[in-house]
Amino acid sequence: IDGWQLKKSGSWKRKHTRFFNRVLKMIEQEKTNVFYL
């Protein structure tokens, strides 16, 4: 997530949420271990 740009001129779109939806599906359906650094 680019917090710097979101504070200035960035915008959060549906496609950005879909990325996290995909990650959540990997956790729930595929039992993937996710590490966010």
PDB file of all heavy atoms in Angstrom:
ATOM      1  N   ILE A   1       0.862  -1.181   0.000  1.00  0.00           N
ATOM      2  CA  ILE A   1       0.000   0.000   0.000  1.00  0.00           C
ATOM      3  C   ILE A   1       0.899   1.231   0.000  1.00  0.00           C
ATOM      4  O   ILE A   1       1.848   1.308   0.776  1.00  0.00           O
ATOM      5  CB  ILE A   1      -0.927   0.022   1.224  1.00  0.00           C
ATOM      6  CG1 ILE A   1      -1.843  -1.206   1.238  1.00  0.00           C
ATOM      7  CG2 ILE A   1      -1.757   1.310   1.261  1.00  0.00           C
ATOM      8  CD1 ILE A   1      -2.676  -1.337   2.498  1.00  0.00           C
ATOM      9  N   ASP A   2       0.603   2.196  -0.852  1.00  0.00           N
ATOM     10  CA  ASP A   2       1.406   3.420  -0.912  1.00  0.00           C
ATOM     11  C   ASP A   2       0.744   4.519  -0.074  1.00  0.00           C
ATOM     12  O   ASP A   2      -0.034   5.329  -0.576  1.00  0.00           O
ATOM     13  CB  ASP A   2       1.573   3.888  -2.359  1.00  0.00           C
ATOM     14  CG  ASP A   2       2.712   4.885  -2.521  1.00  0.00           C
ATOM     15  OD1 ASP A   2       2.872   5.733  -1.618  1.00  0.00           O
ATOM     16  OD2 ASP A   2       3.437   4.812  -3.530  1.00  0.00           O
ATOM     17  N   GLY A   3       1.066   4.530   1.216  1.00  0.00           N
ATOM     18  CA  GLY A   3       0.503   5.525   2.116  1.00  0.00           C
ATOM     19  C   GLY A   3       0.930   6.939   1.782  1.00  0.00           C
ATOM     20  O   GLY A   3       0.172   7.893   2.003  1.00  0.00           O
ATOM     21  N   TRP A   4       2.133   7.102   1.233  1.00  0.00           N
ATOM     22  CA  TRP A   4       2.626   8.443   0.874  1.00  0.00           C
ATOM     23  C   TRP A   4       1.721   9.074  -0.173  1.00  0.00           C
ATOM     24  O   TRP A   4       1.320  10.235  -0.045  1.00  0.00           O
ATOM     25  CB  TRP A   4       4.054   8.363   0.346  1.00  0.00           C
ATOM     26  CG  TRP A   4       5.086   7.993   1.359  1.00  0.00           C
ATOM     27  CD1 TRP A   4       4.873   7.515   2.619  1.00  0.00           C
ATOM     28  CD2 TRP A   4       6.501   8.057   1.196  1.00  0.00           C
ATOM     29  NE1 TRP A   4       6.064   7.263   3.243  1.00  0.00           N
ATOM     30  CE2 TRP A   4       7.087   7.591   2.398  1.00  0.00           C
ATOM     31  CE3 TRP A   4       7.335   8.441   0.139  1.00  0.00           C
ATOM     32  CZ2 TRP A   4       8.466   7.522   2.577  1.00  0.00           C
ATOM     33  CZ3 TRP A   4       8.708   8.370   0.327  1.00  0.00           C
ATOM     34  CH2 TRP A   4       9.280   7.926   1.523  1.00  0.00           C
ATOM     35  N   GLN A   5       1.402   8.303  -1.225  1.00  0.00           N
ATOM     36  CA  GLN A   5       0.574   8.839  -2.303  1.00  0.00           C
ATOM     37  C   GLN A   5      -0.884   9.021  -1.871  1.00  0.00           C
ATOM     38  O   GLN A   5      -1.548   9.962  -2.292  1.00  0.00           O
ATOM     39  CB  GLN A   5       0.636   7.927  -3.527  1.00  0.00           C
ATOM     40  CG  GLN A   5       1.921   8.038  -4.322  1.00  0.00           C
ATOM     41  CD  GLN A   5       2.081   9.398  -4.976  1.00  0.00           C
ATOM     42  OE1 GLN A   5       1.148   9.950  -5.518  1.00  0.00           O
ATOM     43  NE2 GLN A   5       3.286   9.940  -4.913  1.00  0.00           N
ATOM     44  N   LEU A   6      -1.380   8.120  -1.027  1.00  0.00           N
ATOM     45  CA  LEU A   6      -2.754   8.229  -0.565  1.00  0.00           C
ATOM     46  C   LEU A   6      -2.975   9.495   0.266  1.00  0.00           C
ATOM     47  O   LEU A   6      -4.070  10.064   0.282  1.00  0.00           O
ATOM     48  CB  LEU A   6      -3.144   6.990   0.245  1.00  0.00           C
ATOM     49  CG  LEU A   6      -3.408   5.719  -0.575  1.00  0.00           C
ATOM     50  CD1 LEU A   6      -3.589   4.521   0.335  1.00  0.00           C
ATOM     51  CD2 LEU A   6      -4.633   5.901  -1.466  1.00  0.00           C
ATOM     52  N   LYS A   7      -1.924   9.944   0.951  1.00  0.00           N
ATOM     53  CA  LYS A   7      -2.019  11.184   1.723  1.00  0.00           C
ATOM     54  C   LYS A   7      -2.031  12.409   0.815  1.00  0.00           C
ATOM     55  O   LYS A   7      -2.499  13.473   1.213  1.00  0.00           O
ATOM     56  CB  LYS A   7      -0.832  11.293   2.693  1.00  0.00           C
ATOM     57  CG  LYS A   7      -0.914  10.356   3.889  1.00  0.00           C
ATOM     58  CD  LYS A   7       0.296  10.542   4.776  1.00  0.00           C
ATOM     59  CE  LYS A   7       0.244   9.603   5.981  1.00  0.00           C
ATOM     60  NZ  LYS A   7       1.457   9.766   6.839  1.00  0.00           N
ATOM     61  N   LYS A   8      -1.501  12.246  -0.401  1.00  0.00           N
ATOM     62  CA  LYS A   8      -1.397  13.387  -1.313  1.00  0.00           C
ATOM     63  C   LYS A   8      -2.453  13.304  -2.408  1.00  0.00           C
ATOM     64  O   LYS A   8      -3.551  13.816  -2.258  1.00  0.00           O
ATOM     65  CB  LYS A   8       0.015  13.451  -1.910  1.00  0.00           C
ATOM     66  CG  LYS A   8       1.100  13.698  -0.859  1.00  0.00           C
ATOM     67  CD  LYS A   8       2.475  13.842  -1.464  1.00  0.00           C
ATOM     68  CE  LYS A   8       2.963  12.567  -2.099  1.00  0.00           C
ATOM     69  NZ  LYS A   8       4.350  12.683  -2.625  1.00  0.00           N
ATOM     70  N   SER A   9      -2.125  12.675  -3.504  1.00  0.00           N
ATOM     71  CA  SER A   9      -3.024  12.672  -4.666  1.00  0.00           C
ATOM     72  C   SER A   9      -3.508  11.286  -5.065  1.00  0.00           C
ATOM     73  O   SER A   9      -4.192  11.135  -6.075  1.00  0.00           O
ATOM     74  CB  SER A   9      -2.302  13.307  -5.865  1.00  0.00           C
ATOM     75  OG  SER A   9      -1.109  12.579  -6.167  1.00  0.00           O
ATOM     76  N   GLY A  10      -3.162  10.279  -4.279  1.00  0.00           N
ATOM     77  CA  GLY A  10      -3.559   8.922  -4.634  1.00  0.00           C
ATOM     78  C   GLY A  10      -5.029   8.670  -4.353  1.00  0.00           C
ATOM     79  O   GLY A  10      -5.712   9.470  -3.703  1.00  0.00           O
ATOM     80  N   SER A  11      -5.548   7.560  -4.845  1.00  0.00           N
ATOM     81  CA  SER A  11      -6.944   7.189  -4.607  1.00  0.00           C
ATOM     82  C   SER A  11      -7.058   5.668  -4.540  1.00  0.00           C
ATOM     83  O   SER A  11      -6.328   4.949  -5.225  1.00  0.00           O
ATOM     84  CB  SER A  11      -7.852   7.734  -5.710  1.00  0.00           C
ATOM     85  OG  SER A  11      -7.488   7.194  -6.970  1.00  0.00           O
ATOM     86  N   TRP A  12      -7.959   5.207  -3.692  1.00  0.00           N
ATOM     87  CA  TRP A  12      -8.167   3.768  -3.518  1.00  0.00           C
ATOM     88  C   TRP A  12      -9.305   3.320  -4.431  1.00  0.00           C
ATOM     89  O   TRP A  12     -10.411   3.851  -4.372  1.00  0.00           O
ATOM     90  CB  TRP A  12      -8.499   3.448  -2.065  1.00  0.00           C
ATOM     91  CG  TRP A  12      -8.434   1.988  -1.780  1.00  0.00           C
ATOM     92  CD1 TRP A  12      -9.467   1.098  -1.784  1.00  0.00           C
ATOM     93  CD2 TRP A  12      -7.262   1.234  -1.466  1.00  0.00           C
ATOM     94  NE1 TRP A  12      -9.020  -0.167  -1.500  1.00  0.00           N
ATOM     95  CE2 TRP A  12      -7.667  -0.119  -1.290  1.00  0.00           C
ATOM     96  CE3 TRP A  12      -5.917   1.564  -1.316  1.00  0.00           C
ATOM     97  CZ2 TRP A  12      -6.769  -1.115  -0.966  1.00  0.00           C
ATOM     98  CZ3 TRP A  12      -5.024   0.550  -0.992  1.00  0.00           C
ATOM     99  CH2 TRP A  12      -5.451  -0.769  -0.824  1.00  0.00           C
ATOM    100  N   LYS A  13      -9.037   2.335  -5.276  1.00  0.00           N
ATOM    101  CA  LYS A  13     -10.021   1.866  -6.239  1.00  0.00           C
ATOM    102  C   LYS A  13     -10.439   0.427  -5.941  1.00  0.00           C
ATOM    103  O   LYS A  13      -9.792  -0.276  -5.167  1.00  0.00           O
ATOM    104  CB  LYS A  13      -9.457   1.978  -7.655  1.00  0.00           C
ATOM    105  CG  LYS A  13      -9.123   3.423  -8.052  1.00  0.00           C
ATOM    106  CD  LYS A  13      -8.685   3.513  -9.481  1.00  0.00           C
ATOM    107  CE  LYS A  13      -8.334   4.947  -9.866  1.00  0.00           C
ATOM    108  NZ  LYS A  13      -9.507   5.844  -9.759  1.00  0.00           N
ATOM    109  N   ARG A  14     -11.508   0.012  -6.602  1.00  0.00           N
ATOM    110  CA  ARG A  14     -12.031  -1.332  -6.383  1.00  0.00           C
ATOM    111  C   ARG A  14     -10.990  -2.402  -6.714  1.00  0.00           C
ATOM    112  O   ARG A  14     -10.895  -3.431  -6.037  1.00  0.00           O
ATOM    113  CB  ARG A  14     -13.285  -1.547  -7.234  1.00  0.00           C
ATOM    114  CG  ARG A  14     -13.985  -2.878  -6.976  1.00  0.00           C
ATOM    115  CD  ARG A  14     -15.247  -2.994  -7.797  1.00  0.00           C
ATOM    116  NE  ARG A  14     -16.202  -1.956  -7.430  1.00  0.00           N
ATOM    117  CZ  ARG A  14     -17.370  -1.791  -8.057  1.00  0.00           C
ATOM    118  NH1 ARG A  14     -17.699  -2.569  -9.075  1.00  0.00           N
ATOM    119  NH2 ARG A  14     -18.191  -0.835  -7.670  1.00  0.00           N
ATOM    120  N   LYS A  15     -10.197  -2.171  -7.750  1.00  0.00           N
ATOM    121  CA  LYS A  15      -9.185  -3.160  -8.130  1.00  0.00           C
ATOM    122  C   LYS A  15      -8.126  -3.331  -7.052  1.00  0.00           C
ATOM    123  O   LYS A  15      -7.513  -4.398  -6.936  1.00  0.00           O
ATOM    124  CB  LYS A  15      -8.531  -2.781  -9.458  1.00  0.00           C
ATOM    125  CG  LYS A  15      -7.786  -1.459  -9.447  1.00  0.00           C
ATOM    126  CD  LYS A  15      -7.207  -1.141 -10.814  1.00  0.00           C
ATOM    127  CE  LYS A  15      -6.465   0.198 -10.830  1.00  0.00           C
ATOM    128  NZ  LYS A  15      -5.906   0.492 -12.171  1.00  0.00           N
ATOM    129  N   HIS A  16      -7.908  -2.299  -6.248  1.00  0.00           N
ATOM    130  CA  HIS A  16      -6.949  -2.404  -5.156  1.00  0.00           C
ATOM    131  C   HIS A  16      -7.504  -3.286  -4.042  1.00  0.00           C
ATOM    132  O   HIS A  16      -6.774  -4.071  -3.437  1.00  0.00           O
ATOM    133  CB  HIS A  16      -6.613  -1.009  -4.615  1.00  0.00           C
ATOM    134  CG  HIS A  16      -6.007  -0.111  -5.649  1.00  0.00           C
ATOM    135  ND1 HIS A  16      -6.129   1.259  -5.618  1.00  0.00           N
ATOM    136  CD2 HIS A  16      -5.293  -0.394  -6.767  1.00  0.00           C
ATOM    137  CE1 HIS A  16      -5.502   1.787  -6.658  1.00  0.00           C
ATOM    138  NE2 HIS A  16      -4.989   0.790  -7.367  1.00  0.00           N
ATOM    139  N   THR A  17      -8.818  -3.152  -3.802  1.00  0.00           N
ATOM    140  CA  THR A  17      -9.466  -4.019  -2.814  1.00  0.00           C
ATOM    141  C   THR A  17      -9.469  -5.463  -3.281  1.00  0.00           C
ATOM    142  O   THR A  17      -9.306  -6.391  -2.488  1.00  0.00           O
ATOM    143  CB  THR A  17     -10.916  -3.551  -2.569  1.00  0.00           C
ATOM    144  OG1 THR A  17     -10.892  -2.200  -2.112  1.00  0.00           O
ATOM    145  CG2 THR A  17     -11.602  -4.423  -1.517  1.00  0.00           C
ATOM    146  N   ARG A  18      -9.631  -5.674  -4.591  1.00  0.00           N
ATOM    147  CA  ARG A  18      -9.661  -7.036  -5.137  1.00  0.00           C
ATOM    148  C   ARG A  18      -8.352  -7.777  -4.896  1.00  0.00           C
ATOM    149  O   ARG A  18      -8.341  -9.001  -4.757  1.00  0.00           O
ATOM    150  CB  ARG A  18      -9.973  -6.987  -6.633  1.00  0.00           C
ATOM    151  CG  ARG A  18     -11.445  -6.695  -6.939  1.00  0.00           C
ATOM    152  CD  ARG A  18     -11.668  -6.481  -8.418  1.00  0.00           C
ATOM    153  NE  ARG A  18     -13.071  -6.191  -8.706  1.00  0.00           N
ATOM    154  CZ  ARG A  18     -13.487  -5.613  -9.825  1.00  0.00           C
ATOM    155  NH1 ARG A  18     -12.606  -5.293 -10.762  1.00  0.00           N
ATOM    156  NH2 ARG A  18     -14.763  -5.374 -10.015  1.00  0.00           N
ATOM    157  N   PHE A  19      -7.259  -7.036  -4.873  1.00  0.00           N
ATOM    158  CA  PHE A  19      -5.975  -7.671  -4.583  1.00  0.00           C
ATOM    159  C   PHE A  19      -6.016  -8.328  -3.205  1.00  0.00           C
ATOM    160  O   PHE A  19      -5.624  -9.487  -3.039  1.00  0.00           O
ATOM    161  CB  PHE A  19      -4.838  -6.652  -4.653  1.00  0.00           C
ATOM    162  CG  PHE A  19      -3.546  -7.153  -4.062  1.00  0.00           C
ATOM    163  CD1 PHE A  19      -2.720  -8.003  -4.777  1.00  0.00           C
ATOM    164  CD2 PHE A  19      -3.164  -6.792  -2.782  1.00  0.00           C
ATOM    165  CE1 PHE A  19      -1.533  -8.481  -4.237  1.00  0.00           C
ATOM    166  CE2 PHE A  19      -1.979  -7.259  -2.226  1.00  0.00           C
ATOM    167  CZ  PHE A  19      -1.167  -8.103  -2.953  1.00  0.00           C
ATOM    168  N   PHE A  20      -6.499  -7.578  -2.210  1.00  0.00           N
ATOM    169  CA  PHE A  20      -6.566  -8.133  -0.859  1.00  0.00           C
ATOM    170  C   PHE A  20      -7.623  -9.217  -0.750  1.00  0.00           C
ATOM    171  O   PHE A  20      -7.466 -10.169   0.025  1.00  0.00           O
ATOM    172  CB  PHE A  20      -6.812  -7.018   0.157  1.00  0.00           C
ATOM    173  CG  PHE A  20      -5.583  -6.221   0.473  1.00  0.00           C
ATOM    174  CD1 PHE A  20      -5.449  -4.922   0.015  1.00  0.00           C
ATOM    175  CD2 PHE A  20      -4.532  -6.779   1.192  1.00  0.00           C
ATOM    176  CE1 PHE A  20      -4.304  -4.186   0.280  1.00  0.00           C
ATOM    177  CE2 PHE A  20      -3.389  -6.054   1.463  1.00  0.00           C
ATOM    178  CZ  PHE A  20      -3.264  -4.759   1.018  1.00  0.00           C
ATOM    179  N   ASN A  21      -8.693  -9.113  -1.531  1.00  0.00           N
ATOM    180  CA  ASN A  21      -9.684 -10.187  -1.552  1.00  0.00           C
ATOM    181  C   ASN A  21      -9.053 -11.483  -2.034  1.00  0.00           C
ATOM    182  O   ASN A  21      -9.358 -12.567  -1.530  1.00  0.00           O
ATOM    183  CB  ASN A  21     -10.854  -9.811  -2.464  1.00  0.00           C
ATOM    184  CG  ASN A  21     -11.749  -8.745  -1.859  1.00  0.00           C
ATOM    185  OD1 ASN A  21     -11.743  -8.540  -0.644  1.00  0.00           O
ATOM    186  ND2 ASN A  21     -12.523  -8.068  -2.695  1.00  0.00           N
ATOM    187  N   ARG A  22      -8.169 -11.358  -3.040  1.00  0.00           N
ATOM    188  CA  ARG A  22      -7.483 -12.544  -3.560  1.00  0.00           C
ATOM    189  C   ARG A  22      -6.558 -13.146  -2.506  1.00  0.00           C
ATOM    190  O   ARG A  22      -6.519 -14.359  -2.324  1.00  0.00           O
ATOM    191  CB  ARG A  22      -6.681 -12.165  -4.813  1.00  0.00           C
ATOM    192  CG  ARG A  22      -5.907 -13.321  -5.433  1.00  0.00           C
ATOM    193  CD  ARG A  22      -6.840 -14.447  -5.834  1.00  0.00           C
ATOM    194  NE  ARG A  22      -6.139 -15.718  -5.903  1.00  0.00           N
ATOM    195  CZ  ARG A  22      -6.725 -16.897  -5.743  1.00  0.00           C
ATOM    196  NH1 ARG A  22      -8.021 -16.982  -5.497  1.00  0.00           N
ATOM    197  NH2 ARG A  22      -6.027 -18.011  -5.809  1.00  0.00           N
ATOM    198  N   VAL A  23      -5.846 -12.284  -1.783  1.00  0.00           N
ATOM    199  CA  VAL A  23      -4.948 -12.756  -0.726  1.00  0.00           C
ATOM    200  C   VAL A  23      -5.742 -13.468   0.371  1.00  0.00           C
ATOM    201  O   VAL A  23      -5.342 -14.532   0.865  1.00  0.00           O
ATOM    202  CB  VAL A  23      -4.135 -11.587  -0.137  1.00  0.00           C
ATOM    203  CG1 VAL A  23      -3.349 -12.049   1.098  1.00  0.00           C
ATOM    204  CG2 VAL A  23      -3.178 -11.020  -1.186  1.00  0.00           C
ATOM    205  N   LEU A  24      -6.889 -12.906   0.747  1.00  0.00           N
ATOM    206  CA  LEU A  24      -7.735 -13.521   1.769  1.00  0.00           C
ATOM    207  C   LEU A  24      -8.257 -14.893   1.312  1.00  0.00           C
ATOM    208  O   LEU A  24      -8.346 -15.823   2.117  1.00  0.00           O
ATOM    209  CB  LEU A  24      -8.908 -12.602   2.111  1.00  0.00           C
ATOM    210  CG  LEU A  24      -8.550 -11.334   2.892  1.00  0.00           C
ATOM    211  CD1 LEU A  24      -9.770 -10.438   3.039  1.00  0.00           C
ATOM    212  CD2 LEU A  24      -7.975 -11.679   4.265  1.00  0.00           C
ATOM    213  N   LYS A  25      -8.574 -15.016   0.027  1.00  0.00           N
ATOM    214  CA  LYS A  25      -9.015 -16.312  -0.501  1.00  0.00           C
ATOM    215  C   LYS A  25      -7.892 -17.335  -0.430  1.00  0.00           C
ATOM    216  O   LYS A  25      -8.136 -18.521  -0.170  1.00  0.00           O
ATOM    217  CB  LYS A  25      -9.496 -16.156  -1.948  1.00  0.00           C
ATOM    218  CG  LYS A  25     -10.878 -15.533  -2.075  1.00  0.00           C
ATOM    219  CD  LYS A  25     -11.343 -15.505  -3.517  1.00  0.00           C
ATOM    220  CE  LYS A  25     -12.739 -14.907  -3.626  1.00  0.00           C
ATOM    221  NZ  LYS A  25     -13.218 -14.860  -5.034  1.00  0.00           N
ATOM    222  N   MET A  26      -6.664 -16.886  -0.673  1.00  0.00           N
ATOM    223  CA  MET A  26      -5.522 -17.797  -0.572  1.00  0.00           C
ATOM    224  C   MET A  26      -5.375 -18.296   0.866  1.00  0.00           C
ATOM    225  O   MET A  26      -5.044 -19.460   1.104  1.00  0.00           O
ATOM    226  CB  MET A  26      -4.248 -17.084  -1.021  1.00  0.00           C
ATOM    227  CG  MET A  26      -4.211 -16.755  -2.505  1.00  0.00           C
ATOM    228  SD  MET A  26      -2.746 -15.816  -3.001  1.00  0.00           S
ATOM    229  CE  MET A  26      -1.469 -17.082  -2.862  1.00  0.00           C
ATOM    230  N   ILE A  27      -5.631 -17.406   1.829  1.00  0.00           N
ATOM    231  CA  ILE A  27      -5.551 -17.801   3.240  1.00  0.00           C
ATOM    232  C   ILE A  27      -6.660 -18.780   3.594  1.00  0.00           C
ATOM    233  O   ILE A  27      -6.430 -19.823   4.212  1.00  0.00           O
ATOM    234  CB  ILE A  27      -5.621 -16.557   4.153  1.00  0.00           C
ATOM    235  CG1 ILE A  27      -4.380 -15.682   3.975  1.00  0.00           C
ATOM    236  CG2 ILE A  27      -5.765 -16.970   5.620  1.00  0.00           C
ATOM    237  CD1 ILE A  27      -4.422 -14.375   4.734  1.00  0.00           C
ATOM    238  N   GLU A  28      -7.890 -18.456   3.186  1.00  0.00           N
ATOM    239  CA  GLU A  28      -9.057 -19.238   3.578  1.00  0.00           C
ATOM    240  C   GLU A  28      -9.186 -20.552   2.813  1.00  0.00           C
ATOM    241  O   GLU A  28      -9.446 -21.602   3.399  1.00  0.00           O
ATOM    242  CB  GLU A  28     -10.321 -18.400   3.368  1.00  0.00           C
ATOM    243  CG  GLU A  28     -10.394 -17.174   4.273  1.00  0.00           C
ATOM    244  CD  GLU A  28     -11.540 -16.249   3.907  1.00  0.00           C
ATOM    245  OE1 GLU A  28     -12.315 -16.595   2.974  1.00  0.00           O
ATOM    246  OE2 GLU A  28     -11.666 -15.188   4.549  1.00  0.00           O
ATOM    247  N   GLN A  29      -9.013 -20.493   1.492  1.00  0.00           N
ATOM    248  CA  GLN A  29      -9.272 -21.659   0.661  1.00  0.00           C
ATOM    249  C   GLN A  29      -8.044 -22.537   0.447  1.00  0.00           C
ATOM    250  O   GLN A  29      -8.166 -23.756   0.323  1.00  0.00           O
ATOM    251  CB  GLN A  29      -9.827 -21.213  -0.694  1.00  0.00           C
ATOM    252  CG  GLN A  29     -11.151 -20.465  -0.587  1.00  0.00           C
ATOM    253  CD  GLN A  29     -11.649 -19.958  -1.935  1.00  0.00           C
ATOM    254  OE1 GLN A  29     -11.068 -20.243  -2.983  1.00  0.00           O
ATOM    255  NE2 GLN A  29     -12.747 -19.211  -1.925  1.00  0.00           N
ATOM    256  N   GLU A  30      -6.860 -21.917   0.383  1.00  0.00           N
ATOM    257  CA  GLU A  30      -5.647 -22.675   0.092  1.00  0.00           C
ATOM    258  C   GLU A  30      -4.733 -22.814   1.303  1.00  0.00           C
ATOM    259  O   GLU A  30      -3.646 -23.387   1.202  1.00  0.00           O
ATOM    260  CB  GLU A  30      -4.894 -22.004  -1.069  1.00  0.00           C
ATOM    261  CG  GLU A  30      -5.731 -21.909  -2.336  1.00  0.00           C
ATOM    262  CD  GLU A  30      -5.084 -21.059  -3.423  1.00  0.00           C
ATOM    263  OE1 GLU A  30      -3.881 -20.757  -3.296  1.00  0.00           O
ATOM    264  OE2 GLU A  30      -5.777 -20.689  -4.391  1.00  0.00           O
ATOM    265  N   LYS A  31      -5.153 -22.246   2.443  1.00  0.00           N
ATOM    266  CA  LYS A  31      -4.391 -22.319   3.705  1.00  0.00           C
ATOM    267  C   LYS A  31      -2.982 -21.758   3.554  1.00  0.00           C
ATOM    268  O   LYS A  31      -2.022 -22.245   4.154  1.00  0.00           O
ATOM    269  CB  LYS A  31      -4.322 -23.768   4.202  1.00  0.00           C
ATOM    270  CG  LYS A  31      -5.666 -24.462   4.300  1.00  0.00           C
ATOM    271  CD  LYS A  31      -6.632 -23.723   5.200  1.00  0.00           C
ATOM    272  CE  LYS A  31      -7.983 -24.405   5.264  1.00  0.00           C
ATOM    273  NZ  LYS A  31      -8.991 -23.625   6.045  1.00  0.00           N
ATOM    274  N   THR A  32      -2.844 -20.722   2.737  1.00  0.00           N
ATOM    275  CA  THR A  32      -1.545 -20.074   2.523  1.00  0.00           C
ATOM    276  C   THR A  32      -1.162 -19.245   3.736  1.00  0.00           C
ATOM    277  O   THR A  32      -1.991 -18.541   4.312  1.00  0.00           O
ATOM    278  CB  THR A  32      -1.604 -19.153   1.280  1.00  0.00           C
ATOM    279  OG1 THR A  32      -2.005 -19.921   0.157  1.00  0.00           O
ATOM    280  CG2 THR A  32      -0.248 -18.513   1.016  1.00  0.00           C
ATOM    281  N   ASN A  33       0.100 -19.344   4.126  1.00  0.00           N
ATOM    282  CA  ASN A  33       0.641 -18.486   5.177  1.00  0.00           C
ATOM    283  C   ASN A  33       1.087 -17.181   4.534  1.00  0.00           C
ATOM    284  O   ASN A  33       1.915 -17.189   3.623  1.00  0.00           O
ATOM    285  CB  ASN A  33       1.831 -19.156   5.873  1.00  0.00           C
ATOM    286  CG  ASN A  33       1.452 -20.463   6.538  1.00  0.00           C
ATOM    287  OD1 ASN A  33       0.505 -20.521   7.311  1.00  0.00           O
ATOM    288  ND2 ASN A  33       2.171 -21.526   6.210  1.00  0.00           N
ATOM    289  N   VAL A  34       0.546 -16.056   4.993  1.00  0.00           N
ATOM    290  CA  VAL A  34       0.855 -14.759   4.403  1.00  0.00           C
ATOM    291  C   VAL A  34       1.647 -13.914   5.398  1.00  0.00           C
ATOM    292  O   VAL A  34       1.238 -13.746   6.554  1.00  0.00           O
ATOM    293  CB  VAL A  34      -0.420 -14.014   3.977  1.00  0.00           C
ATOM    294  CG1 VAL A  34      -0.071 -12.617   3.444  1.00  0.00           C
ATOM    295  CG2 VAL A  34      -1.177 -14.808   2.924  1.00  0.00           C
ATOM    296  N   PHE A  35       2.773 -13.387   4.937  1.00  0.00           N
ATOM    297  CA  PHE A  35       3.618 -12.521   5.746  1.00  0.00           C
ATOM    298  C   PHE A  35       3.691 -11.153   5.062  1.00  0.00           C
ATOM    299  O   PHE A  35       4.208 -11.048   3.947  1.00  0.00           O
ATOM    300  CB  PHE A  35       5.027 -13.113   5.883  1.00  0.00           C
ATOM    301  CG  PHE A  35       5.046 -14.504   6.452  1.00  0.00           C
ATOM    302  CD1 PHE A  35       4.964 -15.615   5.612  1.00  0.00           C
ATOM    303  CD2 PHE A  35       5.122 -14.710   7.815  1.00  0.00           C
ATOM    304  CE1 PHE A  35       4.974 -16.901   6.123  1.00  0.00           C
ATOM    305  CE2 PHE A  35       5.130 -16.002   8.342  1.00  0.00           C
ATOM    306  CZ  PHE A  35       5.051 -17.095   7.496  1.00  0.00           C
ATOM    307  N   TYR A  36       3.157 -10.144   5.710  1.00  0.00           N
ATOM    308  CA  TYR A  36       3.169  -8.784   5.171  1.00  0.00           C
ATOM    309  C   TYR A  36       4.249  -8.011   5.921  1.00  0.00           C
ATOM    310  O   TYR A  36       4.121  -7.746   7.108  1.00  0.00           O
ATOM    311  CB  TYR A  36       1.799  -8.143   5.357  1.00  0.00           C
ATOM    312  CG  TYR A  36       1.604  -6.786   4.701  1.00  0.00           C
ATOM    313  CD1 TYR A  36       0.336  -6.348   4.361  1.00  0.00           C
ATOM    314  CD2 TYR A  36       2.667  -5.919   4.427  1.00  0.00           C
ATOM    315  CE1 TYR A  36       0.116  -5.111   3.759  1.00  0.00           C
ATOM    316  CE2 TYR A  36       2.467  -4.688   3.828  1.00  0.00           C
ATOM    317  CZ  TYR A  36       1.196  -4.284   3.505  1.00  0.00           C
ATOM    318  OH  TYR A  36       0.998  -3.048   2.925  1.00  0.00           O
ATOM    319  N   LEU A  37       5.325  -7.660   5.199  1.00  0.00           N
ATOM    320  CA  LEU A  37       6.433  -6.913   5.794  1.00  0.00           C
ATOM    321  C   LEU A  37       6.307  -5.434   5.470  1.00  0.00           C
ATOM    322  O   LEU A  37       5.970  -5.068   4.346  1.00  0.00           O
ATOM    323  CB  LEU A  37       7.777  -7.448   5.298  1.00  0.00           C
ATOM    324  CG  LEU A  37       8.350  -8.649   6.059  1.00  0.00           C
ATOM    325  CD1 LEU A  37       7.379  -9.819   6.064  1.00  0.00           C
ATOM    326  CD2 LEU A  37       9.682  -9.084   5.462  1.00  0.00           C
TER     327      LEU A  37
END
